[in-house]
Amino acid sequence: MSQSRSRRVERVERELQQVIATYLLSHLKGPHFGLMSVAHVAVGGDLRQAKVYVSVLGSEQDKDLMEEALNEQRVDVQNYISQKLRMKFCPRLRFYVGQTPEVVAGPGDEEV
């Protein structure tokens, strides 16, 4: 059963990555939104929370501004996800810009 749960989580992560990337491409405009891509999405086992890792080109200041802006717009992104995907619950998003999952999680922290 844990293997099927794992496959389900992986499938949801891929779907979320695609939908979030589409949203970012079509809805975010402005000077602090440069070239970016959704590098990875990590979803908790209960599918209620998701960490979204975004890769961007730019200075550290640009990355900080973008991370702040993305997290301010996360409700809009979550609403877009709920329109595009059939899920019982839309996960609560947290964006991390220019960071790898290992850096955000810290040593020994594997839970979302």
PDB file of N, CA and C in Angstrom:
ATOM      1  N   MET A   1       0.819  -1.195   0.000  1.00  0.00           N
ATOM      2  CA  MET A   1       0.000   0.000   0.000  1.00  0.00           C
ATOM      3  C   MET A   1       0.857   1.251   0.000  1.00  0.00           C
ATOM      4  N   SER A   2       1.980   1.243   0.702  1.00  0.00           N
ATOM      5  CA  SER A   2       2.823   2.426   0.744  1.00  0.00           C
ATOM      6  C   SER A   2       3.419   2.724  -0.628  1.00  0.00           C
ATOM      7  N   GLN A   3       3.620   1.660  -1.449  1.00  0.00           N
ATOM      8  CA  GLN A   3       4.148   1.883  -2.788  1.00  0.00           C
ATOM      9  C   GLN A   3       3.114   2.593  -3.661  1.00  0.00           C
ATOM     10  N   SER A   4       1.844   2.211  -3.574  1.00  0.00           N
ATOM     11  CA  SER A   4       0.806   2.878  -4.358  1.00  0.00           C
ATOM     12  C   SER A   4       0.613   4.315  -3.869  1.00  0.00           C
ATOM     13  N   ARG A   5       0.718   4.527  -2.571  1.00  0.00           N
ATOM     14  CA  ARG A   5       0.639   5.874  -2.014  1.00  0.00           C
ATOM     15  C   ARG A   5       1.779   6.713  -2.560  1.00  0.00           C
ATOM     16  N   SER A   6       2.932   6.139  -2.638  1.00  0.00           N
ATOM     17  CA  SER A   6       4.102   6.835  -3.165  1.00  0.00           C
ATOM     18  C   SER A   6       3.892   7.197  -4.628  1.00  0.00           C
ATOM     19  N   ARG A   7       3.352   6.282  -5.404  1.00  0.00           N
ATOM     20  CA  ARG A   7       3.075   6.567  -6.815  1.00  0.00           C
ATOM     21  C   ARG A   7       2.040   7.684  -6.948  1.00  0.00           C
ATOM     22  N   ARG A   8       1.045   7.655  -6.071  1.00  0.00           N
ATOM     23  CA  ARG A   8       0.024   8.701  -6.101  1.00  0.00           C
ATOM     24  C   ARG A   8       0.629  10.066  -5.790  1.00  0.00           C
ATOM     25  N   VAL A   9       1.469  10.124  -4.780  1.00  0.00           N
ATOM     26  CA  VAL A   9       2.126  11.385  -4.416  1.00  0.00           C
ATOM     27  C   VAL A   9       3.005  11.867  -5.564  1.00  0.00           C
ATOM     28  N   GLU A  10       3.747  10.967  -6.176  1.00  0.00           N
ATOM     29  CA  GLU A  10       4.599  11.347  -7.315  1.00  0.00           C
ATOM     30  C   GLU A  10       3.762  11.875  -8.476  1.00  0.00           C
ATOM     31  N   ARG A  11       2.634  11.242  -8.732  1.00  0.00           N
ATOM     32  CA  ARG A  11       1.752  11.693  -9.808  1.00  0.00           C
ATOM     33  C   ARG A  11       1.203  13.090  -9.508  1.00  0.00           C
ATOM     34  N   VAL A  12       0.783  13.318  -8.280  1.00  0.00           N
ATOM     35  CA  VAL A  12       0.268  14.629  -7.886  1.00  0.00           C
ATOM     36  C   VAL A  12       1.371  15.675  -7.990  1.00  0.00           C
ATOM     37  N   GLU A  13       2.581  15.333  -7.589  1.00  0.00           N
ATOM     38  CA  GLU A  13       3.700  16.274  -7.701  1.00  0.00           C
ATOM     39  C   GLU A  13       3.941  16.681  -9.151  1.00  0.00           C
ATOM     40  N   ARG A  14       3.919  15.705 -10.056  1.00  0.00           N
ATOM     41  CA  ARG A  14       4.113  16.025 -11.482  1.00  0.00           C
ATOM     42  C   ARG A  14       2.994  16.906 -12.023  1.00  0.00           C
ATOM     43  N   GLU A  15       1.757  16.573 -11.675  1.00  0.00           N
ATOM     44  CA  GLU A  15       0.614  17.366 -12.134  1.00  0.00           C
ATOM     45  C   GLU A  15       0.685  18.790 -11.589  1.00  0.00           C
ATOM     46  N   LEU A  16       0.991  18.919 -10.308  1.00  0.00           N
ATOM     47  CA  LEU A  16       1.103  20.241  -9.709  1.00  0.00           C
ATOM     48  C   LEU A  16       2.212  21.052 -10.371  1.00  0.00           C
ATOM     49  N   GLN A  17       3.348  20.409 -10.629  1.00  0.00           N
ATOM     50  CA  GLN A  17       4.470  21.100 -11.261  1.00  0.00           C
ATOM     51  C   GLN A  17       4.042  21.666 -12.616  1.00  0.00           C
ATOM     52  N   GLN A  18       3.329  20.887 -13.388  1.00  0.00           N
ATOM     53  CA  GLN A  18       2.885  21.320 -14.708  1.00  0.00           C
ATOM     54  C   GLN A  18       1.866  22.459 -14.613  1.00  0.00           C
ATOM     55  N   VAL A  19       0.892  22.333 -13.727  1.00  0.00           N
ATOM     56  CA  VAL A  19      -0.154  23.357 -13.595  1.00  0.00           C
ATOM     57  C   VAL A  19       0.438  24.659 -13.049  1.00  0.00           C
ATOM     58  N   ILE A  20       1.317  24.563 -12.066  1.00  0.00           N
ATOM     59  CA  ILE A  20       1.939  25.772 -11.502  1.00  0.00           C
ATOM     60  C   ILE A  20       2.803  26.457 -12.547  1.00  0.00           C
ATOM     61  N   ALA A  21       3.563  25.689 -13.318  1.00  0.00           N
ATOM     62  CA  ALA A  21       4.395  26.276 -14.380  1.00  0.00           C
ATOM     63  C   ALA A  21       3.527  27.004 -15.403  1.00  0.00           C
ATOM     64  N   THR A  22       2.396  26.415 -15.763  1.00  0.00           N
ATOM     65  CA  THR A  22       1.474  27.054 -16.705  1.00  0.00           C
ATOM     66  C   THR A  22       0.946  28.362 -16.122  1.00  0.00           C
ATOM     67  N   TYR A  23       0.591  28.342 -14.852  1.00  0.00           N
ATOM     68  CA  TYR A  23       0.101  29.557 -14.198  1.00  0.00           C
ATOM     69  C   TYR A  23       1.170  30.648 -14.210  1.00  0.00           C
ATOM     70  N   LEU A  24       2.379  30.298 -13.802  1.00  0.00           N
ATOM     71  CA  LEU A  24       3.455  31.292 -13.735  1.00  0.00           C
ATOM     72  C   LEU A  24       3.724  31.893 -15.107  1.00  0.00           C
ATOM     73  N   LEU A  25       3.702  31.061 -16.122  1.00  0.00           N
ATOM     74  CA  LEU A  25       3.962  31.519 -17.483  1.00  0.00           C
ATOM     75  C   LEU A  25       2.882  32.469 -17.989  1.00  0.00           C
ATOM     76  N   SER A  26       1.634  32.182 -17.672  1.00  0.00           N
ATOM     77  CA  SER A  26       0.541  32.960 -18.256  1.00  0.00           C
ATOM     78  C   SER A  26       0.011  34.091 -17.377  1.00  0.00           C
ATOM     79  N   HIS A  27       0.245  34.050 -16.065  1.00  0.00           N
ATOM     80  CA  HIS A  27      -0.374  35.024 -15.179  1.00  0.00           C
ATOM     81  C   HIS A  27       0.580  36.010 -14.519  1.00  0.00           C
ATOM     82  N   LEU A  28       1.843  35.686 -14.430  1.00  0.00           N
ATOM     83  CA  LEU A  28       2.767  36.580 -13.724  1.00  0.00           C
ATOM     84  C   LEU A  28       3.475  37.492 -14.701  1.00  0.00           C
ATOM     85  N   LYS A  29       3.266  38.748 -14.503  1.00  0.00           N
ATOM     86  CA  LYS A  29       3.925  39.750 -15.329  1.00  0.00           C
ATOM     87  C   LYS A  29       4.533  40.789 -14.391  1.00  0.00           C
ATOM     88  N   GLY A  30       5.588  41.408 -14.829  1.00  0.00           N
ATOM     89  CA  GLY A  30       6.202  42.467 -14.036  1.00  0.00           C
ATOM     90  C   GLY A  30       7.706  42.399 -14.101  1.00  0.00           C
ATOM     91  N   PRO A  31       8.359  43.460 -13.644  1.00  0.00           N
ATOM     92  CA  PRO A  31       9.812  43.537 -13.761  1.00  0.00           C
ATOM     93  C   PRO A  31      10.568  42.531 -12.895  1.00  0.00           C
ATOM     94  N   HIS A  32       9.996  42.125 -11.748  1.00  0.00           N
ATOM     95  CA  HIS A  32      10.714  41.190 -10.889  1.00  0.00           C
ATOM     96  C   HIS A  32      10.444  39.727 -11.241  1.00  0.00           C
ATOM     97  N   PHE A  33       9.608  39.474 -12.252  1.00  0.00           N
ATOM     98  CA  PHE A  33       9.382  38.109 -12.719  1.00  0.00           C
ATOM     99  C   PHE A  33      10.175  37.899 -13.993  1.00  0.00           C
ATOM    100  N   GLY A  34      11.395  37.416 -13.848  1.00  0.00           N
ATOM    101  CA  GLY A  34      12.252  37.167 -14.996  1.00  0.00           C
ATOM    102  C   GLY A  34      12.094  35.747 -15.491  1.00  0.00           C
ATOM    103  N   LEU A  35      13.172  35.210 -16.008  1.00  0.00           N
ATOM    104  CA  LEU A  35      13.192  33.844 -16.505  1.00  0.00           C
ATOM    105  C   LEU A  35      13.169  32.872 -15.328  1.00  0.00           C
ATOM    106  N   MET A  36      12.147  32.024 -15.273  1.00  0.00           N
ATOM    107  CA  MET A  36      12.008  31.088 -14.154  1.00  0.00           C
ATOM    108  C   MET A  36      11.420  29.772 -14.621  1.00  0.00           C
ATOM    109  N   SER A  37      11.628  28.755 -13.803  1.00  0.00           N
ATOM    110  CA  SER A  37      11.017  27.456 -14.058  1.00  0.00           C
ATOM    111  C   SER A  37      10.722  26.780 -12.723  1.00  0.00           C
ATOM    112  N   VAL A  38       9.707  25.934 -12.731  1.00  0.00           N
ATOM    113  CA  VAL A  38       9.368  25.170 -11.531  1.00  0.00           C
ATOM    114  C   VAL A  38      10.271  23.941 -11.533  1.00  0.00           C
ATOM    115  N   ALA A  39      11.245  23.937 -10.635  1.00  0.00           N
ATOM    116  CA  ALA A  39      12.249  22.881 -10.606  1.00  0.00           C
ATOM    117  C   ALA A  39      11.721  21.595  -9.968  1.00  0.00           C
ATOM    118  N   HIS A  40      10.913  21.734  -8.928  1.00  0.00           N
ATOM    119  CA  HIS A  40      10.454  20.556  -8.201  1.00  0.00           C
ATOM    120  C   HIS A  40       9.258  20.939  -7.331  1.00  0.00           C
ATOM    121  N   VAL A  41       8.363  19.994  -7.120  1.00  0.00           N
ATOM    122  CA  VAL A  41       7.262  20.157  -6.179  1.00  0.00           C
ATOM    123  C   VAL A  41       7.301  18.963  -5.231  1.00  0.00           C
ATOM    124  N   ALA A  42       7.309  19.226  -3.929  1.00  0.00           N
ATOM    125  CA  ALA A  42       7.310  18.169  -2.921  1.00  0.00           C
ATOM    126  C   ALA A  42       6.000  18.246  -2.140  1.00  0.00           C
ATOM    127  N   VAL A  43       5.236  17.167  -2.204  1.00  0.00           N
ATOM    128  CA  VAL A  43       3.915  17.118  -1.566  1.00  0.00           C
ATOM    129  C   VAL A  43       3.976  16.169  -0.380  1.00  0.00           C
ATOM    130  N   GLY A  44       3.324  16.561   0.709  1.00  0.00           N
ATOM    131  CA  GLY A  44       3.233  15.694   1.874  1.00  0.00           C
ATOM    132  C   GLY A  44       2.358  14.494   1.594  1.00  0.00           C
ATOM    133  N   GLY A  45       2.483  13.467   2.387  1.00  0.00           N
ATOM    134  CA  GLY A  45       1.734  12.233   2.183  1.00  0.00           C
ATOM    135  C   GLY A  45       0.225  12.406   2.213  1.00  0.00           C
ATOM    136  N   ASP A  46      -0.249  13.412   2.961  1.00  0.00           N
ATOM    137  CA  ASP A  46      -1.697  13.655   3.025  1.00  0.00           C
ATOM    138  C   ASP A  46      -2.175  14.592   1.914  1.00  0.00           C
ATOM    139  N   LEU A  47      -1.269  15.045   1.053  1.00  0.00           N
ATOM    140  CA  LEU A  47      -1.557  15.912  -0.096  1.00  0.00           C
ATOM    141  C   LEU A  47      -2.130  17.269   0.306  1.00  0.00           C
ATOM    142  N   ARG A  48      -1.907  17.703   1.525  1.00  0.00           N
ATOM    143  CA  ARG A  48      -2.467  18.970   2.000  1.00  0.00           C
ATOM    144  C   ARG A  48      -1.477  20.124   1.943  1.00  0.00           C
ATOM    145  N   GLN A  49      -0.194  19.829   1.841  1.00  0.00           N
ATOM    146  CA  GLN A  49       0.836  20.867   1.770  1.00  0.00           C
ATOM    147  C   GLN A  49       1.811  20.525   0.664  1.00  0.00           C
ATOM    148  N   ALA A  50       2.325  21.578   0.023  1.00  0.00           N
ATOM    149  CA  ALA A  50       3.299  21.369  -1.045  1.00  0.00           C
ATOM    150  C   ALA A  50       4.352  22.467  -0.997  1.00  0.00           C
ATOM    151  N   LYS A  51       5.596  22.057  -1.156  1.00  0.00           N
ATOM    152  CA  LYS A  51       6.705  22.994  -1.299  1.00  0.00           C
ATOM    153  C   LYS A  51       7.032  23.073  -2.780  1.00  0.00           C
ATOM    154  N   VAL A  52       7.074  24.301  -3.298  1.00  0.00           N
ATOM    155  CA  VAL A  52       7.328  24.524  -4.714  1.00  0.00           C
ATOM    156  C   VAL A  52       8.682  25.201  -4.851  1.00  0.00           C
ATOM    157  N   TYR A  53       9.618  24.520  -5.532  1.00  0.00           N
ATOM    158  CA  TYR A  53      10.965  25.035  -5.723  1.00  0.00           C
ATOM    159  C   TYR A  53      11.060  25.636  -7.111  1.00  0.00           C
ATOM    160  N   VAL A  54      11.342  26.939  -7.160  1.00  0.00           N
ATOM    161  CA  VAL A  54      11.390  27.677  -8.414  1.00  0.00           C
ATOM    162  C   VAL A  54      12.828  28.104  -8.678  1.00  0.00           C
ATOM    163  N   SER A  55      13.290  27.825  -9.867  1.00  0.00           N
ATOM    164  CA  SER A  55      14.630  28.211 -10.296  1.00  0.00           C
ATOM    165  C   SER A  55      14.517  29.485 -11.132  1.00  0.00           C
ATOM    166  N   VAL A  56      15.358  30.481 -10.815  1.00  0.00           N
ATOM    167  CA  VAL A  56      15.304  31.749 -11.547  1.00  0.00           C
ATOM    168  C   VAL A  56      16.715  32.232 -11.876  1.00  0.00           C
ATOM    169  N   LEU A  57      16.786  33.051 -12.911  1.00  0.00           N
ATOM    170  CA  LEU A  57      18.020  33.749 -13.222  1.00  0.00           C
ATOM    171  C   LEU A  57      17.912  35.147 -12.632  1.00  0.00           C
ATOM    172  N   GLY A  58      18.950  35.581 -11.940  1.00  0.00           N
ATOM    173  CA  GLY A  58      18.943  36.914 -11.359  1.00  0.00           C
ATOM    174  C   GLY A  58      19.777  36.967 -10.107  1.00  0.00           C
ATOM    175  N   SER A  59      19.850  38.155  -9.543  1.00  0.00           N
ATOM    176  CA  SER A  59      20.637  38.375  -8.330  1.00  0.00           C
ATOM    177  C   SER A  59      19.898  37.810  -7.114  1.00  0.00           C
ATOM    178  N   GLU A  60      20.590  37.746  -6.005  1.00  0.00           N
ATOM    179  CA  GLU A  60      19.970  37.272  -4.764  1.00  0.00           C
ATOM    180  C   GLU A  60      18.810  38.176  -4.368  1.00  0.00           C
ATOM    181  N   GLN A  61      18.958  39.479  -4.597  1.00  0.00           N
ATOM    182  CA  GLN A  61      17.889  40.414  -4.284  1.00  0.00           C
ATOM    183  C   GLN A  61      16.656  40.126  -5.151  1.00  0.00           C
ATOM    184  N   ASP A  62      16.881  39.855  -6.447  1.00  0.00           N
ATOM    185  CA  ASP A  62      15.773  39.505  -7.338  1.00  0.00           C
ATOM    186  C   ASP A  62      15.076  38.235  -6.869  1.00  0.00           C
ATOM    187  N   LYS A  63      15.865  37.251  -6.451  1.00  0.00           N
ATOM    188  CA  LYS A  63      15.294  35.986  -5.981  1.00  0.00           C
ATOM    189  C   LYS A  63      14.457  36.200  -4.725  1.00  0.00           C
ATOM    190  N   ASP A  64      14.961  37.027  -3.813  1.00  0.00           N
ATOM    191  CA  ASP A  64      14.203  37.307  -2.588  1.00  0.00           C
ATOM    192  C   ASP A  64      12.887  38.010  -2.897  1.00  0.00           C
ATOM    193  N   LEU A  65      12.937  38.990  -3.802  1.00  0.00           N
ATOM    194  CA  LEU A  65      11.717  39.706  -4.194  1.00  0.00           C
ATOM    195  C   LEU A  65      10.721  38.768  -4.867  1.00  0.00           C
ATOM    196  N   MET A  66      11.232  37.871  -5.706  1.00  0.00           N
ATOM    197  CA  MET A  66      10.354  36.939  -6.411  1.00  0.00           C
ATOM    198  C   MET A  66       9.722  35.952  -5.434  1.00  0.00           C
ATOM    199  N   GLU A  67      10.506  35.454  -4.483  1.00  0.00           N
ATOM    200  CA  GLU A  67       9.957  34.514  -3.504  1.00  0.00           C
ATOM    201  C   GLU A  67       8.845  35.176  -2.693  1.00  0.00           C
ATOM    202  N   GLU A  68       9.070  36.406  -2.291  1.00  0.00           N
ATOM    203  CA  GLU A  68       8.053  37.142  -1.538  1.00  0.00           C
ATOM    204  C   GLU A  68       6.796  37.340  -2.384  1.00  0.00           C
ATOM    205  N   ALA A  69       6.970  37.739  -3.639  1.00  0.00           N
ATOM    206  CA  ALA A  69       5.833  37.967  -4.528  1.00  0.00           C
ATOM    207  C   ALA A  69       5.056  36.675  -4.789  1.00  0.00           C
ATOM    208  N   LEU A  70       5.766  35.573  -5.005  1.00  0.00           N
ATOM    209  CA  LEU A  70       5.094  34.296  -5.255  1.00  0.00           C
ATOM    210  C   LEU A  70       4.290  33.852  -4.038  1.00  0.00           C
ATOM    211  N   ASN A  71       4.865  34.004  -2.863  1.00  0.00           N
ATOM    212  CA  ASN A  71       4.146  33.594  -1.661  1.00  0.00           C
ATOM    213  C   ASN A  71       2.949  34.494  -1.373  1.00  0.00           C
ATOM    214  N   GLU A  72       3.025  35.766  -1.783  1.00  0.00           N
ATOM    215  CA  GLU A  72       1.871  36.652  -1.647  1.00  0.00           C
ATOM    216  C   GLU A  72       0.743  36.232  -2.594  1.00  0.00           C
ATOM    217  N   GLN A  73       1.087  35.644  -3.738  1.00  0.00           N
ATOM    218  CA  GLN A  73       0.088  35.242  -4.733  1.00  0.00           C
ATOM    219  C   GLN A  73      -0.288  33.767  -4.648  1.00  0.00           C
ATOM    220  N   ARG A  74       0.142  33.086  -3.608  1.00  0.00           N
ATOM    221  CA  ARG A  74      -0.093  31.644  -3.548  1.00  0.00           C
ATOM    222  C   ARG A  74      -1.562  31.277  -3.515  1.00  0.00           C
ATOM    223  N   VAL A  75      -2.410  32.133  -2.932  1.00  0.00           N
ATOM    224  CA  VAL A  75      -3.849  31.835  -2.906  1.00  0.00           C
ATOM    225  C   VAL A  75      -4.410  31.826  -4.329  1.00  0.00           C
ATOM    226  N   ASP A  76      -3.955  32.771  -5.148  1.00  0.00           N
ATOM    227  CA  ASP A  76      -4.395  32.795  -6.549  1.00  0.00           C
ATOM    228  C   ASP A  76      -3.930  31.534  -7.278  1.00  0.00           C
ATOM    229  N   VAL A  77      -2.711  31.107  -6.999  1.00  0.00           N
ATOM    230  CA  VAL A  77      -2.185  29.888  -7.625  1.00  0.00           C
ATOM    231  C   VAL A  77      -2.991  28.687  -7.155  1.00  0.00           C
ATOM    232  N   GLN A  78      -3.305  28.624  -5.877  1.00  0.00           N
ATOM    233  CA  GLN A  78      -4.091  27.519  -5.336  1.00  0.00           C
ATOM    234  C   GLN A  78      -5.485  27.490  -5.965  1.00  0.00           C
ATOM    235  N   ASN A  79      -6.089  28.660  -6.163  1.00  0.00           N
ATOM    236  CA  ASN A  79      -7.401  28.711  -6.820  1.00  0.00           C
ATOM    237  C   ASN A  79      -7.305  28.193  -8.254  1.00  0.00           C
ATOM    238  N   TYR A  80      -6.230  28.557  -8.942  1.00  0.00           N
ATOM    239  CA  TYR A  80      -6.018  28.081 -10.312  1.00  0.00           C
ATOM    240  C   TYR A  80      -5.866  26.556 -10.326  1.00  0.00           C
ATOM    241  N   ILE A  81      -5.117  26.035  -9.380  1.00  0.00           N
ATOM    242  CA  ILE A  81      -4.929  24.578  -9.279  1.00  0.00           C
ATOM    243  C   ILE A  81      -6.272  23.889  -9.057  1.00  0.00           C
ATOM    244  N   SER A  82      -7.077  24.442  -8.165  1.00  0.00           N
ATOM    245  CA  SER A  82      -8.368  23.799  -7.870  1.00  0.00           C
ATOM    246  C   SER A  82      -9.299  23.813  -9.080  1.00  0.00           C
ATOM    247  N   GLN A  83      -9.112  24.776  -9.995  1.00  0.00           N
ATOM    248  CA  GLN A  83      -9.904  24.802 -11.221  1.00  0.00           C
ATOM    249  C   GLN A  83      -9.394  23.783 -12.242  1.00  0.00           C
ATOM    250  N   LYS A  84      -8.099  23.530 -12.247  1.00  0.00           N
ATOM    251  CA  LYS A  84      -7.501  22.681 -13.277  1.00  0.00           C
ATOM    252  C   LYS A  84      -7.409  21.205 -12.895  1.00  0.00           C
ATOM    253  N   LEU A  85      -7.280  20.916 -11.618  1.00  0.00           N
ATOM    254  CA  LEU A  85      -7.113  19.522 -11.182  1.00  0.00           C
ATOM    255  C   LEU A  85      -8.299  19.097 -10.328  1.00  0.00           C
ATOM    256  N   ARG A  86      -8.704  17.848 -10.513  1.00  0.00           N
ATOM    257  CA  ARG A  86      -9.756  17.279  -9.676  1.00  0.00           C
ATOM    258  C   ARG A  86      -9.113  16.650  -8.455  1.00  0.00           C
ATOM    259  N   MET A  87      -9.151  17.375  -7.364  1.00  0.00           N
ATOM    260  CA  MET A  87      -8.588  16.874  -6.109  1.00  0.00           C
ATOM    261  C   MET A  87      -9.569  17.190  -4.987  1.00  0.00           C
ATOM    262  N   LYS A  88      -9.590  16.341  -3.988  1.00  0.00           N
ATOM    263  CA  LYS A  88     -10.473  16.584  -2.848  1.00  0.00           C
ATOM    264  C   LYS A  88     -10.048  17.860  -2.126  1.00  0.00           C
ATOM    265  N   PHE A  89      -8.737  18.017  -1.926  1.00  0.00           N
ATOM    266  CA  PHE A  89      -8.184  19.202  -1.291  1.00  0.00           C
ATOM    267  C   PHE A  89      -7.085  19.772  -2.168  1.00  0.00           C
ATOM    268  N   CYS A  90      -7.047  21.078  -2.275  1.00  0.00           N
ATOM    269  CA  CYS A  90      -5.933  21.723  -2.969  1.00  0.00           C
ATOM    270  C   CYS A  90      -4.837  21.952  -1.931  1.00  0.00           C
ATOM    271  N   PRO A  91      -3.622  21.511  -2.200  1.00  0.00           N
ATOM    272  CA  PRO A  91      -2.565  21.667  -1.204  1.00  0.00           C
ATOM    273  C   PRO A  91      -2.229  23.138  -0.945  1.00  0.00           C
ATOM    274  N   ARG A  92      -1.844  23.420   0.272  1.00  0.00           N
ATOM    275  CA  ARG A  92      -1.381  24.757   0.635  1.00  0.00           C
ATOM    276  C   ARG A  92       0.061  24.876   0.151  1.00  0.00           C
ATOM    277  N   LEU A  93       0.323  25.889  -0.651  1.00  0.00           N
ATOM    278  CA  LEU A  93       1.625  26.037  -1.289  1.00  0.00           C
ATOM    279  C   LEU A  93       2.561  26.921  -0.480  1.00  0.00           C
ATOM    280  N   ARG A  94       3.851  26.615  -0.588  1.00  0.00           N
ATOM    281  CA  ARG A  94       4.919  27.468  -0.068  1.00  0.00           C
ATOM    282  C   ARG A  94       5.996  27.474  -1.135  1.00  0.00           C
ATOM    283  N   PHE A  95       6.360  28.669  -1.596  1.00  0.00           N
ATOM    284  CA  PHE A  95       7.352  28.802  -2.661  1.00  0.00           C
ATOM    285  C   PHE A  95       8.739  29.045  -2.089  1.00  0.00           C
ATOM    286  N   TYR A  96       9.725  28.408  -2.722  1.00  0.00           N
ATOM    287  CA  TYR A  96      11.143  28.604  -2.406  1.00  0.00           C
ATOM    288  C   TYR A  96      11.853  28.903  -3.716  1.00  0.00           C
ATOM    289  N   VAL A  97      12.477  30.057  -3.796  1.00  0.00           N
ATOM    290  CA  VAL A  97      13.119  30.486  -5.033  1.00  0.00           C
ATOM    291  C   VAL A  97      14.633  30.333  -4.918  1.00  0.00           C
ATOM    292  N   GLY A  98      15.208  29.665  -5.911  1.00  0.00           N
ATOM    293  CA  GLY A  98      16.658  29.538  -5.987  1.00  0.00           C
ATOM    294  C   GLY A  98      17.270  28.647  -4.939  1.00  0.00           C
ATOM    295  N   GLN A  99      16.465  27.784  -4.341  1.00  0.00           N
ATOM    296  CA  GLN A  99      16.949  26.874  -3.310  1.00  0.00           C
ATOM    297  C   GLN A  99      16.638  25.444  -3.716  1.00  0.00           C
ATOM    298  N   THR A 100      17.469  24.532  -3.270  1.00  0.00           N
ATOM    299  CA  THR A 100      17.212  23.122  -3.538  1.00  0.00           C
ATOM    300  C   THR A 100      16.385  22.543  -2.391  1.00  0.00           C
ATOM    301  N   PRO A 101      15.678  21.454  -2.620  1.00  0.00           N
ATOM    302  CA  PRO A 101      14.912  20.836  -1.531  1.00  0.00           C
ATOM    303  C   PRO A 101      15.779  20.473  -0.328  1.00  0.00           C
ATOM    304  N   GLU A 102      17.017  20.075  -0.565  1.00  0.00           N
ATOM    305  CA  GLU A 102      17.906  19.679   0.526  1.00  0.00           C
ATOM    306  C   GLU A 102      18.231  20.870   1.419  1.00  0.00           C
ATOM    307  N   VAL A 103      18.429  22.044   0.826  1.00  0.00           N
ATOM    308  CA  VAL A 103      18.755  23.237   1.609  1.00  0.00           C
ATOM    309  C   VAL A 103      17.562  23.656   2.449  1.00  0.00           C
ATOM    310  N   VAL A 104      16.365  23.620   1.881  1.00  0.00           N
ATOM    311  CA  VAL A 104      15.164  24.029   2.603  1.00  0.00           C
ATOM    312  C   VAL A 104      14.842  23.054   3.726  1.00  0.00           C
ATOM    313  N   ALA A 105      14.952  21.756   3.447  1.00  0.00           N
ATOM    314  CA  ALA A 105      14.579  20.736   4.434  1.00  0.00           C
ATOM    315  C   ALA A 105      15.557  20.699   5.600  1.00  0.00           C
ATOM    316  N   GLY A 106      16.828  20.900   5.328  1.00  0.00           N
ATOM    317  CA  GLY A 106      17.821  20.782   6.388  1.00  0.00           C
ATOM    318  C   GLY A 106      18.193  19.331   6.601  1.00  0.00           C
ATOM    319  N   PRO A 107      19.231  19.075   7.373  1.00  0.00           N
ATOM    320  CA  PRO A 107      19.674  17.696   7.589  1.00  0.00           C
ATOM    321  C   PRO A 107      18.663  16.878   8.377  1.00  0.00           C
ATOM    322  N   GLY A 108      18.341  15.724   7.824  1.00  0.00           N
ATOM    323  CA  GLY A 108      17.462  14.775   8.513  1.00  0.00           C
ATOM    324  C   GLY A 108      15.985  15.128   8.469  1.00  0.00           C
ATOM    325  N   ASP A 109      15.600  16.193   7.795  1.00  0.00           N
ATOM    326  CA  ASP A 109      14.202  16.601   7.716  1.00  0.00           C
ATOM    327  C   ASP A 109      13.646  16.229   6.354  1.00  0.00           C
ATOM    328  N   GLU A 110      12.823  15.177   6.311  1.00  0.00           N
ATOM    329  CA  GLU A 110      12.289  14.716   5.025  1.00  0.00           C
ATOM    330  C   GLU A 110      10.798  14.983   4.911  1.00  0.00           C
ATOM    331  N   GLU A 111      10.162  15.452   5.957  1.00  0.00           N
ATOM    332  CA  GLU A 111       8.722  15.678   5.942  1.00  0.00           C
ATOM    333  C   GLU A 111       8.413  17.034   5.322  1.00  0.00           C
ATOM    334  N   VAL A 112       7.324  17.092   4.564  1.00  0.00           N
ATOM    335  CA  VAL A 112       6.912  18.351   3.935  1.00  0.00           C
ATOM    336  C   VAL A 112       6.190  19.195   4.937  1.00  0.00           C
TER     337      VAL A 112
END
